[in-house]
Amino acid sequence: MVLSDLIIPGYTDKLQFVSYNLSSCYIKMFLLSVLMLHAYLLHS
């Protein structure tokens, strides 16, 4: 009981941390692609 109480909250915290990092990484890639597309349209 105590062991599962220790493991499960840490696992869910790690899962939330990973999902947050993935979402922020996708947002950064999206913004980068938008900026590159904007620069491409300006130069053409």
N, C-alpha and C. Protein backbone atom coordinates (compact mmCIF):
# COMPACT_ATOMS: atom_id res chain seq x y z
N MET A 1 0.83 -1.20 0.00
CA MET A 1 0.00 0.00 0.00
C MET A 1 0.87 1.25 0.00
N VAL A 2 1.85 1.28 0.91
CA VAL A 2 2.73 2.45 0.99
C VAL A 2 3.59 2.55 -0.27
N LEU A 3 4.02 1.40 -0.77
CA LEU A 3 4.88 1.39 -1.95
C LEU A 3 4.14 1.95 -3.17
N SER A 4 2.89 1.52 -3.35
CA SER A 4 2.12 2.02 -4.49
C SER A 4 1.79 3.50 -4.31
N ASP A 5 1.59 3.92 -3.06
CA ASP A 5 1.34 5.35 -2.80
C ASP A 5 2.56 6.19 -3.14
N LEU A 6 3.75 5.60 -3.02
CA LEU A 6 4.97 6.34 -3.36
C LEU A 6 5.20 6.34 -4.87
N ILE A 7 4.94 5.21 -5.52
CA ILE A 7 5.30 5.06 -6.94
C ILE A 7 4.31 5.79 -7.85
N ILE A 8 3.01 5.63 -7.60
CA ILE A 8 2.00 6.13 -8.53
C ILE A 8 1.98 7.66 -8.65
N PRO A 9 2.04 8.44 -7.54
CA PRO A 9 2.08 9.90 -7.72
C PRO A 9 3.32 10.37 -8.48
N GLY A 10 4.47 9.75 -8.22
CA GLY A 10 5.67 10.12 -8.95
C GLY A 10 5.55 9.79 -10.43
N TYR A 11 4.89 8.68 -10.73
CA TYR A 11 4.71 8.28 -12.13
C TYR A 11 3.79 9.25 -12.86
N THR A 12 2.71 9.66 -12.20
CA THR A 12 1.78 10.60 -12.83
C THR A 12 2.44 11.97 -12.99
N ASP A 13 3.26 12.37 -12.02
CA ASP A 13 3.98 13.64 -12.15
C ASP A 13 4.94 13.59 -13.32
N LYS A 14 5.63 12.47 -13.49
CA LYS A 14 6.57 12.33 -14.60
C LYS A 14 5.82 12.32 -15.93
N LEU A 15 4.65 11.71 -15.94
CA LEU A 15 3.85 11.65 -17.16
C LEU A 15 3.37 13.04 -17.55
N GLN A 16 2.91 13.82 -16.56
CA GLN A 16 2.48 15.19 -16.84
C GLN A 16 3.66 16.04 -17.31
N PHE A 17 4.84 15.81 -16.71
CA PHE A 17 6.03 16.57 -17.08
C PHE A 17 6.41 16.29 -18.53
N VAL A 18 6.36 15.00 -18.91
CA VAL A 18 6.72 14.62 -20.28
C VAL A 18 5.71 15.17 -21.28
N SER A 19 4.41 15.08 -20.94
CA SER A 19 3.39 15.57 -21.86
C SER A 19 3.48 17.09 -22.01
N TYR A 20 3.82 17.79 -20.91
CA TYR A 20 3.98 19.24 -20.98
C TYR A 20 5.17 19.61 -21.86
N ASN A 21 6.28 18.87 -21.72
CA ASN A 21 7.46 19.14 -22.54
C ASN A 21 7.17 18.86 -24.01
N LEU A 22 6.41 17.80 -24.29
CA LEU A 22 6.07 17.48 -25.67
C LEU A 22 5.19 18.56 -26.28
N SER A 23 4.21 19.03 -25.52
CA SER A 23 3.31 20.05 -26.05
C SER A 23 4.05 21.36 -26.29
N SER A 24 4.95 21.73 -25.38
CA SER A 24 5.72 22.96 -25.57
C SER A 24 6.67 22.82 -26.75
N CYS A 25 7.20 21.60 -26.96
CA CYS A 25 8.09 21.36 -28.10
C CYS A 25 7.30 21.49 -29.40
N TYR A 26 6.07 20.96 -29.44
CA TYR A 26 5.24 21.08 -30.63
C TYR A 26 4.89 22.54 -30.91
N ILE A 27 4.63 23.30 -29.83
CA ILE A 27 4.30 24.72 -30.00
C ILE A 27 5.50 25.48 -30.56
N LYS A 28 6.70 25.16 -30.06
CA LYS A 28 7.91 25.82 -30.56
C LYS A 28 8.15 25.48 -32.03
N MET A 29 7.95 24.21 -32.40
CA MET A 29 8.14 23.80 -33.79
C MET A 29 7.11 24.48 -34.69
N PHE A 30 5.87 24.61 -34.18
CA PHE A 30 4.82 25.27 -34.95
C PHE A 30 5.15 26.74 -35.18
N LEU A 31 5.60 27.43 -34.12
CA LEU A 31 5.96 28.84 -34.25
C LEU A 31 7.15 29.01 -35.18
N LEU A 32 8.11 28.09 -35.10
CA LEU A 32 9.28 28.17 -35.96
C LEU A 32 8.89 28.00 -37.42
N SER A 33 7.98 27.05 -37.70
CA SER A 33 7.55 26.83 -39.08
C SER A 33 6.76 28.03 -39.60
N VAL A 34 5.97 28.66 -38.72
CA VAL A 34 5.21 29.85 -39.13
C VAL A 34 6.17 30.99 -39.45
N LEU A 35 7.20 31.16 -38.62
CA LEU A 35 8.18 32.21 -38.88
C LEU A 35 8.94 31.97 -40.17
N MET A 36 9.31 30.70 -40.43
CA MET A 36 10.03 30.38 -41.66
C MET A 36 9.14 30.60 -42.88
N LEU A 37 7.86 30.25 -42.77
CA LEU A 37 6.93 30.47 -43.88
C LEU A 37 6.73 31.96 -44.12
N HIS A 38 6.65 32.73 -43.05
CA HIS A 38 6.49 34.18 -43.16
C HIS A 38 7.71 34.80 -43.84
N ALA A 39 8.91 34.37 -43.44
CA ALA A 39 10.13 34.89 -44.05
C ALA A 39 10.21 34.48 -45.52
N TYR A 40 9.76 33.27 -45.83
CA TYR A 40 9.78 32.80 -47.22
C TYR A 40 8.83 33.62 -48.08
N LEU A 41 7.67 33.94 -47.54
CA LEU A 41 6.71 34.74 -48.30
C LEU A 41 7.19 36.17 -48.46
N LEU A 42 7.92 36.70 -47.48
CA LEU A 42 8.44 38.05 -47.59
C LEU A 42 9.53 38.14 -48.65
N HIS A 43 10.39 37.11 -48.72
CA HIS A 43 11.52 37.16 -49.64
C HIS A 43 11.11 36.85 -51.08
N SER A 44 9.99 36.14 -51.27
CA SER A 44 9.61 35.76 -52.62
C SER A 44 8.85 36.87 -53.35
